[in-house]
Amino acid sequence: MQLWTTGVASARGAARTAQEIEAAGWDGMLVVDSQNLSGDPYVSLALAATVTTRIGLGTGVTNSVTRHAAATATAIASVNRISNGRAVLGIGRGDSALAHLGRAPARLAQFERYLRHLQL
C-alpha cells in the first residue's frame, strides 16, 4: 500500500512542501488542477521533482475540458522526465474545476475521446 498526500499547486511553496513530504515518509504528492483555486500543477510538480528523489508526483486531478489533450500529455511527460519516471497523471471529468467556471463536467463520450487522444 502507498500513502500519498494532496495539496494545492503553489510555485512558491512546491519545493519546500515536496521536501517535507518526502522527509515525512509519504510515497507521493498530488496537486490539484483547479484554475480558480491554485496555481499551475505542472509548474509545481516540476519544481518538486528538482528537490526530491523518491516520492511520486502527480495531478489529483486534472480535467479533460480546460486543457487540450496534447498540452496535458506534454506537461506530464515533462514532469516525468525531470523526475526520472516518478510522475503520474490523475485525470477526471472536471467536476470542481468546471463548477467554478459555471460549466458542467465532461460527458462520458467526451471524456473517453479525450483519453484516447491523450494516449496518442
PDB file of N, CA and C in Angstrom:
ATOM      1  N   MET A   1       0.836  -1.168   0.000  1.00  0.00           N
ATOM      2  CA  MET A   1       0.000   0.000   0.000  1.00  0.00           C
ATOM      3  C   MET A   1       0.891   1.245   0.000  1.00  0.00           C
ATOM      4  N   GLN A   2       0.478   2.228  -0.775  1.00  0.00           N
ATOM      5  CA  GLN A   2       1.179   3.502  -0.797  1.00  0.00           C
ATOM      6  C   GLN A   2       0.300   4.574  -0.183  1.00  0.00           C
ATOM      7  N   LEU A   3       0.925   5.550   0.424  1.00  0.00           N
ATOM      8  CA  LEU A   3       0.205   6.684   1.001  1.00  0.00           C
ATOM      9  C   LEU A   3       0.683   7.969   0.336  1.00  0.00           C
ATOM     10  N   TRP A   4      -0.252   8.663  -0.302  1.00  0.00           N
ATOM     11  CA  TRP A   4       0.032   9.925  -0.978  1.00  0.00           C
ATOM     12  C   TRP A   4      -0.749  11.028  -0.289  1.00  0.00           C
ATOM     13  N   THR A   5      -0.273  12.235  -0.420  1.00  0.00           N
ATOM     14  CA  THR A   5      -0.974  13.382   0.143  1.00  0.00           C
ATOM     15  C   THR A   5      -1.326  14.351  -0.987  1.00  0.00           C
ATOM     16  N   THR A   6      -2.385  15.102  -0.790  1.00  0.00           N
ATOM     17  CA  THR A   6      -2.859  16.037  -1.805  1.00  0.00           C
ATOM     18  C   THR A   6      -2.830  17.451  -1.253  1.00  0.00           C
ATOM     19  N   GLY A   7      -2.423  18.388  -2.105  1.00  0.00           N
ATOM     20  CA  GLY A   7      -2.418  19.796  -1.717  1.00  0.00           C
ATOM     21  C   GLY A   7      -2.642  20.680  -2.933  1.00  0.00           C
ATOM     22  N   VAL A   8      -2.569  21.965  -2.703  1.00  0.00           N
ATOM     23  CA  VAL A   8      -2.739  22.908  -3.801  1.00  0.00           C
ATOM     24  C   VAL A   8      -1.413  23.102  -4.531  1.00  0.00           C
ATOM     25  N   ALA A   9      -1.521  23.521  -5.775  1.00  0.00           N
ATOM     26  CA  ALA A   9      -0.335  23.816  -6.571  1.00  0.00           C
ATOM     27  C   ALA A   9       0.135  25.223  -6.233  1.00  0.00           C
ATOM     28  N   SER A  10       1.381  25.338  -5.832  1.00  0.00           N
ATOM     29  CA  SER A  10       1.939  26.632  -5.456  1.00  0.00           C
ATOM     30  C   SER A  10       3.390  26.709  -5.920  1.00  0.00           C
ATOM     31  N   ALA A  11       3.633  27.584  -6.877  1.00  0.00           N
ATOM     32  CA  ALA A  11       5.007  27.721  -7.377  1.00  0.00           C
ATOM     33  C   ALA A  11       5.965  28.153  -6.270  1.00  0.00           C
ATOM     34  N   ARG A  12       5.505  28.981  -5.363  1.00  0.00           N
ATOM     35  CA  ARG A  12       6.380  29.441  -4.271  1.00  0.00           C
ATOM     36  C   ARG A  12       6.649  28.387  -3.215  1.00  0.00           C
ATOM     37  N   GLY A  13       5.689  27.508  -2.977  1.00  0.00           N
ATOM     38  CA  GLY A  13       5.848  26.559  -1.886  1.00  0.00           C
ATOM     39  C   GLY A  13       6.084  25.122  -2.300  1.00  0.00           C
ATOM     40  N   ALA A  14       6.055  24.837  -3.596  1.00  0.00           N
ATOM     41  CA  ALA A  14       6.115  23.449  -4.069  1.00  0.00           C
ATOM     42  C   ALA A  14       7.383  22.726  -3.643  1.00  0.00           C
ATOM     43  N   ALA A  15       8.521  23.351  -3.803  1.00  0.00           N
ATOM     44  CA  ALA A  15       9.790  22.690  -3.484  1.00  0.00           C
ATOM     45  C   ALA A  15       9.872  22.369  -1.989  1.00  0.00           C
ATOM     46  N   ARG A  16       9.570  23.337  -1.161  1.00  0.00           N
ATOM     47  CA  ARG A  16       9.634  23.121   0.292  1.00  0.00           C
ATOM     48  C   ARG A  16       8.635  22.057   0.727  1.00  0.00           C
ATOM     49  N   THR A  17       7.412  22.151   0.220  1.00  0.00           N
ATOM     50  CA  THR A  17       6.384  21.172   0.574  1.00  0.00           C
ATOM     51  C   THR A  17       6.802  19.773   0.151  1.00  0.00           C
ATOM     52  N   ALA A  18       7.329  19.637  -1.051  1.00  0.00           N
ATOM     53  CA  ALA A  18       7.766  18.323  -1.544  1.00  0.00           C
ATOM     54  C   ALA A  18       8.872  17.743  -0.668  1.00  0.00           C
ATOM     55  N   GLN A  19       9.818  18.571  -0.272  1.00  0.00           N
ATOM     56  CA  GLN A  19      10.901  18.096   0.607  1.00  0.00           C
ATOM     57  C   GLN A  19      10.340  17.627   1.941  1.00  0.00           C
ATOM     58  N   GLU A  20       9.384  18.360   2.484  1.00  0.00           N
ATOM     59  CA  GLU A  20       8.769  17.982   3.763  1.00  0.00           C
ATOM     60  C   GLU A  20       8.002  16.675   3.630  1.00  0.00           C
ATOM     61  N   ILE A  21       7.284  16.520   2.529  1.00  0.00           N
ATOM     62  CA  ILE A  21       6.509  15.303   2.287  1.00  0.00           C
ATOM     63  C   ILE A  21       7.436  14.102   2.159  1.00  0.00           C
ATOM     64  N   GLU A  22       8.515  14.264   1.418  1.00  0.00           N
ATOM     65  CA  GLU A  22       9.467  13.169   1.249  1.00  0.00           C
ATOM     66  C   GLU A  22      10.133  12.821   2.582  1.00  0.00           C
ATOM     67  N   ALA A  23      10.530  13.830   3.342  1.00  0.00           N
ATOM     68  CA  ALA A  23      11.178  13.601   4.637  1.00  0.00           C
ATOM     69  C   ALA A  23      10.236  12.925   5.631  1.00  0.00           C
ATOM     70  N   ALA A  24       8.938  13.191   5.504  1.00  0.00           N
ATOM     71  CA  ALA A  24       7.957  12.605   6.418  1.00  0.00           C
ATOM     72  C   ALA A  24       7.612  11.159   6.057  1.00  0.00           C
ATOM     73  N   GLY A  25       8.115  10.688   4.915  1.00  0.00           N
ATOM     74  CA  GLY A  25       7.908   9.296   4.551  1.00  0.00           C
ATOM     75  C   GLY A  25       6.733   9.009   3.635  1.00  0.00           C
ATOM     76  N   TRP A  26       6.055  10.030   3.146  1.00  0.00           N
ATOM     77  CA  TRP A  26       4.955   9.816   2.203  1.00  0.00           C
ATOM     78  C   TRP A  26       5.499   9.172   0.929  1.00  0.00           C
ATOM     79  N   ASP A  27       4.633   8.452   0.230  1.00  0.00           N
ATOM     80  CA  ASP A  27       5.020   7.827  -1.038  1.00  0.00           C
ATOM     81  C   ASP A  27       4.848   8.767  -2.225  1.00  0.00           C
ATOM     82  N   GLY A  28       3.980   9.738  -2.096  1.00  0.00           N
ATOM     83  CA  GLY A  28       3.763  10.640  -3.219  1.00  0.00           C
ATOM     84  C   GLY A  28       3.028  11.906  -2.848  1.00  0.00           C
ATOM     85  N   MET A  29       3.069  12.827  -3.789  1.00  0.00           N
ATOM     86  CA  MET A  29       2.463  14.144  -3.624  1.00  0.00           C
ATOM     87  C   MET A  29       1.597  14.436  -4.846  1.00  0.00           C
ATOM     88  N   LEU A  30       0.328  14.715  -4.600  1.00  0.00           N
ATOM     89  CA  LEU A  30      -0.587  15.120  -5.657  1.00  0.00           C
ATOM     90  C   LEU A  30      -0.926  16.587  -5.475  1.00  0.00           C
ATOM     91  N   VAL A  31      -1.084  17.292  -6.581  1.00  0.00           N
ATOM     92  CA  VAL A  31      -1.538  18.683  -6.512  1.00  0.00           C
ATOM     93  C   VAL A  31      -2.791  18.823  -7.361  1.00  0.00           C
ATOM     94  N   VAL A  32      -3.713  19.643  -6.889  1.00  0.00           N
ATOM     95  CA  VAL A  32      -4.966  19.840  -7.612  1.00  0.00           C
ATOM     96  C   VAL A  32      -4.732  20.675  -8.862  1.00  0.00           C
ATOM     97  N   ASP A  33      -5.581  20.462  -9.846  1.00  0.00           N
ATOM     98  CA  ASP A  33      -5.572  21.275 -11.059  1.00  0.00           C
ATOM     99  C   ASP A  33      -6.926  21.957 -11.150  1.00  0.00           C
ATOM    100  N   SER A  34      -7.051  23.058 -10.452  1.00  0.00           N
ATOM    101  CA  SER A  34      -8.291  23.831 -10.459  1.00  0.00           C
ATOM    102  C   SER A  34      -7.905  25.287 -10.624  1.00  0.00           C
ATOM    103  N   GLN A  35      -8.042  25.778 -11.841  1.00  0.00           N
ATOM    104  CA  GLN A  35      -7.538  27.088 -12.224  1.00  0.00           C
ATOM    105  C   GLN A  35      -8.019  28.233 -11.337  1.00  0.00           C
ATOM    106  N   ASN A  36      -9.101  28.068 -10.632  1.00  0.00           N
ATOM    107  CA  ASN A  36      -9.599  29.143  -9.768  1.00  0.00           C
ATOM    108  C   ASN A  36      -9.185  28.977  -8.312  1.00  0.00           C
ATOM    109  N   LEU A  37      -8.551  27.866  -7.989  1.00  0.00           N
ATOM    110  CA  LEU A  37      -8.209  27.595  -6.596  1.00  0.00           C
ATOM    111  C   LEU A  37      -6.721  27.530  -6.309  1.00  0.00           C
ATOM    112  N   SER A  38      -5.910  27.296  -7.340  1.00  0.00           N
ATOM    113  CA  SER A  38      -4.471  27.167  -7.099  1.00  0.00           C
ATOM    114  C   SER A  38      -3.704  27.479  -8.369  1.00  0.00           C
ATOM    115  N   GLY A  39      -2.387  27.426  -8.268  1.00  0.00           N
ATOM    116  CA  GLY A  39      -1.529  27.697  -9.411  1.00  0.00           C
ATOM    117  C   GLY A  39      -1.472  26.526 -10.369  1.00  0.00           C
ATOM    118  N   ASP A  40      -0.572  26.610 -11.326  1.00  0.00           N
ATOM    119  CA  ASP A  40      -0.448  25.562 -12.326  1.00  0.00           C
ATOM    120  C   ASP A  40       0.183  24.316 -11.720  1.00  0.00           C
ATOM    121  N   PRO A  41      -0.473  23.171 -11.823  1.00  0.00           N
ATOM    122  CA  PRO A  41       0.047  21.961 -11.186  1.00  0.00           C
ATOM    123  C   PRO A  41       1.361  21.471 -11.789  1.00  0.00           C
ATOM    124  N   TYR A  42       1.536  21.656 -13.084  1.00  0.00           N
ATOM    125  CA  TYR A  42       2.735  21.118 -13.727  1.00  0.00           C
ATOM    126  C   TYR A  42       3.978  21.923 -13.368  1.00  0.00           C
ATOM    127  N   VAL A  43       3.816  23.206 -13.130  1.00  0.00           N
ATOM    128  CA  VAL A  43       4.930  24.026 -12.636  1.00  0.00           C
ATOM    129  C   VAL A  43       5.317  23.544 -11.244  1.00  0.00           C
ATOM    130  N   SER A  44       4.327  23.357 -10.388  1.00  0.00           N
ATOM    131  CA  SER A  44       4.603  22.893  -9.023  1.00  0.00           C
ATOM    132  C   SER A  44       5.252  21.519  -9.013  1.00  0.00           C
ATOM    133  N   LEU A  45       4.745  20.615  -9.843  1.00  0.00           N
ATOM    134  CA  LEU A  45       5.316  19.269  -9.888  1.00  0.00           C
ATOM    135  C   LEU A  45       6.741  19.273 -10.416  1.00  0.00           C
ATOM    136  N   ALA A  46       7.010  20.096 -11.406  1.00  0.00           N
ATOM    137  CA  ALA A  46       8.381  20.183 -11.934  1.00  0.00           C
ATOM    138  C   ALA A  46       9.330  20.718 -10.867  1.00  0.00           C
ATOM    139  N   LEU A  47       8.903  21.737 -10.135  1.00  0.00           N
ATOM    140  CA  LEU A  47       9.744  22.268  -9.056  1.00  0.00           C
ATOM    141  C   LEU A  47       9.964  21.211  -7.976  1.00  0.00           C
ATOM    142  N   ALA A  48       8.921  20.478  -7.638  1.00  0.00           N
ATOM    143  CA  ALA A  48       9.043  19.418  -6.632  1.00  0.00           C
ATOM    144  C   ALA A  48      10.006  18.333  -7.096  1.00  0.00           C
ATOM    145  N   ALA A  49       9.981  18.030  -8.377  1.00  0.00           N
ATOM    146  CA  ALA A  49      10.863  16.991  -8.916  1.00  0.00           C
ATOM    147  C   ALA A  49      12.329  17.343  -8.778  1.00  0.00           C
ATOM    148  N   THR A  50      12.638  18.629  -8.823  1.00  0.00           N
ATOM    149  CA  THR A  50      14.041  19.044  -8.768  1.00  0.00           C
ATOM    150  C   THR A  50      14.651  18.932  -7.376  1.00  0.00           C
ATOM    151  N   VAL A  51      13.823  18.800  -6.347  1.00  0.00           N
ATOM    152  CA  VAL A  51      14.361  18.769  -4.980  1.00  0.00           C
ATOM    153  C   VAL A  51      14.052  17.461  -4.248  1.00  0.00           C
ATOM    154  N   THR A  52      13.486  16.488  -4.969  1.00  0.00           N
ATOM    155  CA  THR A  52      13.185  15.193  -4.353  1.00  0.00           C
ATOM    156  C   THR A  52      13.780  14.079  -5.209  1.00  0.00           C
ATOM    157  N   THR A  53      13.875  12.900  -4.607  1.00  0.00           N
ATOM    158  CA  THR A  53      14.427  11.764  -5.349  1.00  0.00           C
ATOM    159  C   THR A  53      13.556  10.527  -5.292  1.00  0.00           C
ATOM    160  N   ARG A  54      12.595  10.483  -4.390  1.00  0.00           N
ATOM    161  CA  ARG A  54      11.870   9.246  -4.142  1.00  0.00           C
ATOM    162  C   ARG A  54      10.372   9.335  -4.369  1.00  0.00           C
ATOM    163  N   ILE A  55       9.725  10.397  -3.935  1.00  0.00           N
ATOM    164  CA  ILE A  55       8.262  10.435  -3.966  1.00  0.00           C
ATOM    165  C   ILE A  55       7.707  10.512  -5.386  1.00  0.00           C
ATOM    166  N   GLY A  56       6.520   9.911  -5.555  1.00  0.00           N
ATOM    167  CA  GLY A  56       5.785  10.058  -6.793  1.00  0.00           C
ATOM    168  C   GLY A  56       5.180  11.457  -6.851  1.00  0.00           C
ATOM    169  N   LEU A  57       4.945  11.935  -8.054  1.00  0.00           N
ATOM    170  CA  LEU A  57       4.435  13.288  -8.252  1.00  0.00           C
ATOM    171  C   LEU A  57       3.309  13.246  -9.272  1.00  0.00           C
ATOM    172  N   GLY A  58       2.163  13.821  -8.927  1.00  0.00           N
ATOM    173  CA  GLY A  58       1.059  13.751  -9.869  1.00  0.00           C
ATOM    174  C   GLY A  58      -0.022  14.777  -9.654  1.00  0.00           C
ATOM    175  N   THR A  59      -0.946  14.756 -10.597  1.00  0.00           N
ATOM    176  CA  THR A  59      -2.115  15.625 -10.510  1.00  0.00           C
ATOM    177  C   THR A  59      -3.214  14.879  -9.785  1.00  0.00           C
ATOM    178  N   GLY A  60      -3.936  15.610  -8.979  1.00  0.00           N
ATOM    179  CA  GLY A  60      -5.025  15.000  -8.226  1.00  0.00           C
ATOM    180  C   GLY A  60      -6.256  15.883  -8.218  1.00  0.00           C
ATOM    181  N   VAL A  61      -6.912  16.066  -9.289  1.00  0.00           N
ATOM    182  CA  VAL A  61      -6.747  15.550 -10.633  1.00  0.00           C
ATOM    183  C   VAL A  61      -6.819  16.708 -11.625  1.00  0.00           C
ATOM    184  N   THR A  62      -6.330  16.464 -12.844  1.00  0.00           N
ATOM    185  CA  THR A  62      -6.524  17.421 -13.925  1.00  0.00           C
ATOM    186  C   THR A  62      -7.849  17.091 -14.600  1.00  0.00           C
ATOM    187  N   ASN A  63      -8.270  17.919 -15.546  1.00  0.00           N
ATOM    188  CA  ASN A  63      -9.550  17.623 -16.187  1.00  0.00           C
ATOM    189  C   ASN A  63      -9.446  17.649 -17.706  1.00  0.00           C
ATOM    190  N   SER A  64     -10.437  17.107 -18.331  1.00  0.00           N
ATOM    191  CA  SER A  64     -10.417  16.916 -19.773  1.00  0.00           C
ATOM    192  C   SER A  64     -11.105  18.027 -20.550  1.00  0.00           C
ATOM    193  N   VAL A  65     -11.421  19.116 -19.895  1.00  0.00           N
ATOM    194  CA  VAL A  65     -12.130  20.195 -20.584  1.00  0.00           C
ATOM    195  C   VAL A  65     -11.263  21.434 -20.744  1.00  0.00           C
ATOM    196  N   THR A  66     -10.619  21.875 -19.692  1.00  0.00           N
ATOM    197  CA  THR A  66      -9.875  23.139 -19.770  1.00  0.00           C
ATOM    198  C   THR A  66      -8.455  22.991 -20.298  1.00  0.00           C
ATOM    199  N   ARG A  67      -7.971  21.752 -20.450  1.00  0.00           N
ATOM    200  CA  ARG A  67      -6.637  21.525 -21.008  1.00  0.00           C
ATOM    201  C   ARG A  67      -6.746  20.608 -22.226  1.00  0.00           C
ATOM    202  N   HIS A  68      -6.191  21.022 -23.330  1.00  0.00           N
ATOM    203  CA  HIS A  68      -6.160  20.190 -24.524  1.00  0.00           C
ATOM    204  C   HIS A  68      -5.327  18.940 -24.231  1.00  0.00           C
ATOM    205  N   ALA A  69      -5.707  17.820 -24.813  1.00  0.00           N
ATOM    206  CA  ALA A  69      -5.008  16.559 -24.554  1.00  0.00           C
ATOM    207  C   ALA A  69      -3.518  16.653 -24.878  1.00  0.00           C
ATOM    208  N   ALA A  70      -3.169  17.336 -25.956  1.00  0.00           N
ATOM    209  CA  ALA A  70      -1.753  17.464 -26.321  1.00  0.00           C
ATOM    210  C   ALA A  70      -0.985  18.255 -25.269  1.00  0.00           C
ATOM    211  N   ALA A  71      -1.603  19.300 -24.728  1.00  0.00           N
ATOM    212  CA  ALA A  71      -0.945  20.102 -23.689  1.00  0.00           C
ATOM    213  C   ALA A  71      -0.785  19.294 -22.403  1.00  0.00           C
ATOM    214  N   THR A  72      -1.802  18.535 -22.045  1.00  0.00           N
ATOM    215  CA  THR A  72      -1.713  17.680 -20.855  1.00  0.00           C
ATOM    216  C   THR A  72      -0.612  16.640 -21.012  1.00  0.00           C
ATOM    217  N   ALA A  73      -0.574  15.993 -22.166  1.00  0.00           N
ATOM    218  CA  ALA A  73       0.438  14.957 -22.405  1.00  0.00           C
ATOM    219  C   ALA A  73       1.844  15.533 -22.334  1.00  0.00           C
ATOM    220  N   THR A  74       2.048  16.689 -22.942  1.00  0.00           N
ATOM    221  CA  THR A  74       3.365  17.321 -22.917  1.00  0.00           C
ATOM    222  C   THR A  74       3.766  17.708 -21.504  1.00  0.00           C
ATOM    223  N   ALA A  75       2.824  18.273 -20.767  1.00  0.00           N
ATOM    224  CA  ALA A  75       3.124  18.727 -19.403  1.00  0.00           C
ATOM    225  C   ALA A  75       3.511  17.566 -18.493  1.00  0.00           C
ATOM    226  N   ILE A  76       2.716  16.503 -18.483  1.00  0.00           N
ATOM    227  CA  ILE A  76       3.027  15.391 -17.581  1.00  0.00           C
ATOM    228  C   ILE A  76       4.264  14.633 -18.063  1.00  0.00           C
ATOM    229  N   ALA A  77       4.485  14.572 -19.370  1.00  0.00           N
ATOM    230  CA  ALA A  77       5.704  13.936 -19.878  1.00  0.00           C
ATOM    231  C   ALA A  77       6.941  14.716 -19.442  1.00  0.00           C
ATOM    232  N   SER A  78       6.845  16.032 -19.413  1.00  0.00           N
ATOM    233  CA  SER A  78       7.970  16.854 -18.947  1.00  0.00           C
ATOM    234  C   SER A  78       8.252  16.595 -17.476  1.00  0.00           C
ATOM    235  N   VAL A  79       7.208  16.532 -16.659  1.00  0.00           N
ATOM    236  CA  VAL A  79       7.392  16.238 -15.231  1.00  0.00           C
ATOM    237  C   VAL A  79       7.984  14.847 -15.071  1.00  0.00           C
ATOM    238  N   ASN A  80       7.522  13.903 -15.867  1.00  0.00           N
ATOM    239  CA  ASN A  80       8.046  12.541 -15.788  1.00  0.00           C
ATOM    240  C   ASN A  80       9.531  12.502 -16.119  1.00  0.00           C
ATOM    241  N   ARG A  81       9.929  13.264 -17.109  1.00  0.00           N
ATOM    242  CA  ARG A  81      11.350  13.292 -17.492  1.00  0.00           C
ATOM    243  C   ARG A  81      12.208  13.937 -16.401  1.00  0.00           C
ATOM    244  N   ILE A  82      11.755  15.069 -15.876  1.00  0.00           N
ATOM    245  CA  ILE A  82      12.503  15.762 -14.825  1.00  0.00           C
ATOM    246  C   ILE A  82      12.620  14.893 -13.573  1.00  0.00           C
ATOM    247  N   SER A  83      11.559  14.128 -13.283  1.00  0.00           N
ATOM    248  CA  SER A  83      11.528  13.324 -12.054  1.00  0.00           C
ATOM    249  C   SER A  83      12.090  11.925 -12.243  1.00  0.00           C
ATOM    250  N   ASN A  84      12.634  11.632 -13.411  1.00  0.00           N
ATOM    251  CA  ASN A  84      13.163  10.296 -13.697  1.00  0.00           C
ATOM    252  C   ASN A  84      12.115   9.204 -13.536  1.00  0.00           C
ATOM    253  N   GLY A  85      10.930   9.461 -14.098  1.00  0.00           N
ATOM    254  CA  GLY A  85       9.892   8.437 -14.135  1.00  0.00           C
ATOM    255  C   GLY A  85       8.964   8.365 -12.951  1.00  0.00           C
ATOM    256  N   ARG A  86       8.914   9.398 -12.133  1.00  0.00           N
ATOM    257  CA  ARG A  86       8.072   9.354 -10.930  1.00  0.00           C
ATOM    258  C   ARG A  86       6.713  10.019 -11.091  1.00  0.00           C
ATOM    259  N   ALA A  87       6.378  10.493 -12.285  1.00  0.00           N
ATOM    260  CA  ALA A  87       5.126  11.227 -12.495  1.00  0.00           C
ATOM    261  C   ALA A  87       3.951  10.302 -12.781  1.00  0.00           C
ATOM    262  N   VAL A  88       2.801  10.686 -12.283  1.00  0.00           N
ATOM    263  CA  VAL A  88       1.539  10.006 -12.588  1.00  0.00           C
ATOM    264  C   VAL A  88       0.513  11.068 -12.966  1.00  0.00           C
ATOM    265  N   LEU A  89      -0.424  10.685 -13.817  1.00  0.00           N
ATOM    266  CA  LEU A  89      -1.468  11.609 -14.240  1.00  0.00           C
ATOM    267  C   LEU A  89      -2.800  11.156 -13.688  1.00  0.00           C
ATOM    268  N   GLY A  90      -3.331  11.935 -12.776  1.00  0.00           N
ATOM    269  CA  GLY A  90      -4.695  11.727 -12.302  1.00  0.00           C
ATOM    270  C   GLY A  90      -5.588  12.617 -13.141  1.00  0.00           C
ATOM    271  N   ILE A  91      -6.609  12.050 -13.739  1.00  0.00           N
ATOM    272  CA  ILE A  91      -7.464  12.820 -14.633  1.00  0.00           C
ATOM    273  C   ILE A  91      -8.930  12.494 -14.368  1.00  0.00           C
ATOM    274  N   GLY A  92      -9.760  13.519 -14.487  1.00  0.00           N
ATOM    275  CA  GLY A  92     -11.191  13.344 -14.263  1.00  0.00           C
ATOM    276  C   GLY A  92     -12.006  14.159 -15.244  1.00  0.00           C
ATOM    277  N   ARG A  93     -13.296  14.213 -14.989  1.00  0.00           N
ATOM    278  CA  ARG A  93     -14.209  14.915 -15.890  1.00  0.00           C
ATOM    279  C   ARG A  93     -14.272  16.416 -15.642  1.00  0.00           C
ATOM    280  N   GLY A  94     -13.688  16.880 -14.548  1.00  0.00           N
ATOM    281  CA  GLY A  94     -13.640  18.316 -14.294  1.00  0.00           C
ATOM    282  C   GLY A  94     -14.731  18.853 -13.402  1.00  0.00           C
ATOM    283  N   ASP A  95     -15.217  18.044 -12.488  1.00  0.00           N
ATOM    284  CA  ASP A  95     -16.343  18.461 -11.656  1.00  0.00           C
ATOM    285  C   ASP A  95     -16.121  19.787 -10.936  1.00  0.00           C
ATOM    286  N   SER A  96     -15.155  19.874 -10.025  1.00  0.00           N
ATOM    287  CA  SER A  96     -14.985  21.105  -9.242  1.00  0.00           C
ATOM    288  C   SER A  96     -14.355  22.227 -10.057  1.00  0.00           C
ATOM    289  N   ALA A  97     -13.369  21.908 -10.903  1.00  0.00           N
ATOM    290  CA  ALA A  97     -12.718  22.951 -11.702  1.00  0.00           C
ATOM    291  C   ALA A  97     -13.718  23.634 -12.626  1.00  0.00           C
ATOM    292  N   LEU A  98     -14.600  22.865 -13.210  1.00  0.00           N
ATOM    293  CA  LEU A  98     -15.582  23.429 -14.133  1.00  0.00           C
ATOM    294  C   LEU A  98     -16.729  24.112 -13.399  1.00  0.00           C
ATOM    295  N   ALA A  99     -17.059  23.631 -12.221  1.00  0.00           N
ATOM    296  CA  ALA A  99     -18.133  24.269 -11.447  1.00  0.00           C
ATOM    297  C   ALA A  99     -17.787  25.721 -11.143  1.00  0.00           C
ATOM    298  N   HIS A 100     -16.517  25.999 -10.881  1.00  0.00           N
ATOM    299  CA  HIS A 100     -16.083  27.375 -10.605  1.00  0.00           C
ATOM    300  C   HIS A 100     -16.160  28.260 -11.845  1.00  0.00           C
ATOM    301  N   LEU A 101     -16.300  27.649 -13.016  1.00  0.00           N
ATOM    302  CA  LEU A 101     -16.450  28.397 -14.263  1.00  0.00           C
ATOM    303  C   LEU A 101     -17.898  28.418 -14.733  1.00  0.00           C
ATOM    304  N   GLY A 102     -18.782  27.808 -13.950  1.00  0.00           N
ATOM    305  CA  GLY A 102     -20.181  27.739 -14.327  1.00  0.00           C
ATOM    306  C   GLY A 102     -20.452  26.743 -15.439  1.00  0.00           C
ATOM    307  N   ARG A 103     -19.592  25.748 -15.584  1.00  0.00           N
ATOM    308  CA  ARG A 103     -19.724  24.748 -16.645  1.00  0.00           C
ATOM    309  C   ARG A 103     -19.924  23.363 -16.045  1.00  0.00           C
ATOM    310  N   ALA A 104     -20.482  22.484 -16.833  1.00  0.00           N
ATOM    311  CA  ALA A 104     -20.722  21.109 -16.405  1.00  0.00           C
ATOM    312  C   ALA A 104     -19.488  20.254 -16.693  1.00  0.00           C
ATOM    313  N   PRO A 105     -19.325  19.172 -15.950  1.00  0.00           N
ATOM    314  CA  PRO A 105     -18.228  18.241 -16.240  1.00  0.00           C
ATOM    315  C   PRO A 105     -18.373  17.640 -17.637  1.00  0.00           C
ATOM    316  N   ALA A 106     -17.299  17.093 -18.141  1.00  0.00           N
ATOM    317  CA  ALA A 106     -17.328  16.440 -19.447  1.00  0.00           C
ATOM    318  C   ALA A 106     -18.303  15.271 -19.428  1.00  0.00           C
ATOM    319  N   ARG A 107     -18.991  15.098 -20.517  1.00  0.00           N
ATOM    320  CA  ARG A 107     -19.856  13.918 -20.667  1.00  0.00           C
ATOM    321  C   ARG A 107     -18.954  12.711 -20.898  1.00  0.00           C
ATOM    322  N   LEU A 108     -19.473  11.541 -20.632  1.00  0.00           N
ATOM    323  CA  LEU A 108     -18.673  10.324 -20.710  1.00  0.00           C
ATOM    324  C   LEU A 108     -18.044  10.133 -22.094  1.00  0.00           C
ATOM    325  N   ALA A 109     -18.793  10.347 -23.165  1.00  0.00           N
ATOM    326  CA  ALA A 109     -18.252  10.164 -24.517  1.00  0.00           C
ATOM    327  C   ALA A 109     -17.105  11.134 -24.781  1.00  0.00           C
ATOM    328  N   GLN A 110     -17.253  12.374 -24.328  1.00  0.00           N
ATOM    329  CA  GLN A 110     -16.184  13.369 -24.499  1.00  0.00           C
ATOM    330  C   GLN A 110     -14.949  12.959 -23.700  1.00  0.00           C
ATOM    331  N   PHE A 111     -15.160  12.487 -22.486  1.00  0.00           N
ATOM    332  CA  PHE A 111     -14.056  12.057 -21.631  1.00  0.00           C
ATOM    333  C   PHE A 111     -13.320  10.875 -22.263  1.00  0.00           C
ATOM    334  N   GLU A 112     -14.059   9.902 -22.777  1.00  0.00           N
ATOM    335  CA  GLU A 112     -13.430   8.751 -23.428  1.00  0.00           C
ATOM    336  C   GLU A 112     -12.616   9.181 -24.649  1.00  0.00           C
ATOM    337  N   ARG A 113     -13.151  10.108 -25.445  1.00  0.00           N
ATOM    338  CA  ARG A 113     -12.434  10.618 -26.621  1.00  0.00           C
ATOM    339  C   ARG A 113     -11.154  11.318 -26.195  1.00  0.00           C
ATOM    340  N   TYR A 114     -11.222  12.104 -25.129  1.00  0.00           N
ATOM    341  CA  TYR A 114     -10.051  12.807 -24.602  1.00  0.00           C
ATOM    342  C   TYR A 114      -8.960  11.809 -24.181  1.00  0.00           C
ATOM    343  N   LEU A 115      -9.374  10.756 -23.493  1.00  0.00           N
ATOM    344  CA  LEU A 115      -8.410   9.750 -23.053  1.00  0.00           C
ATOM    345  C   LEU A 115      -7.729   9.069 -24.240  1.00  0.00           C
ATOM    346  N   ARG A 116      -8.484   8.813 -25.287  1.00  0.00           N
ATOM    347  CA  ARG A 116      -7.867   8.233 -26.496  1.00  0.00           C
ATOM    348  C   ARG A 116      -6.846   9.191 -27.103  1.00  0.00           C
ATOM    349  N   HIS A 117      -7.187  10.463 -27.187  1.00  0.00           N
ATOM    350  CA  HIS A 117      -6.265  11.459 -27.744  1.00  0.00           C
ATOM    351  C   HIS A 117      -5.026  11.626 -26.862  1.00  0.00           C
ATOM    352  N   LEU A 118      -5.228  11.553 -25.583  1.00  0.00           N
ATOM    353  CA  LEU A 118      -4.125  11.683 -24.637  1.00  0.00           C
ATOM    354  C   LEU A 118      -3.100  10.568 -24.822  1.00  0.00           C
ATOM    355  N   GLN A 119      -3.561   9.400 -25.178  1.00  0.00           N
ATOM    356  CA  GLN A 119      -2.679   8.240 -25.323  1.00  0.00           C
ATOM    357  C   GLN A 119      -1.946   8.202 -26.652  1.00  0.00           C
ATOM    358  N   LEU A 120      -2.361   9.025 -27.612  1.00  0.00           N
ATOM    359  CA  LEU A 120      -1.720   9.003 -28.936  1.00  0.00           C
ATOM    360  C   LEU A 120      -0.303   9.493 -28.905  1.00  0.00           C
TER     361      LEU A 120
END
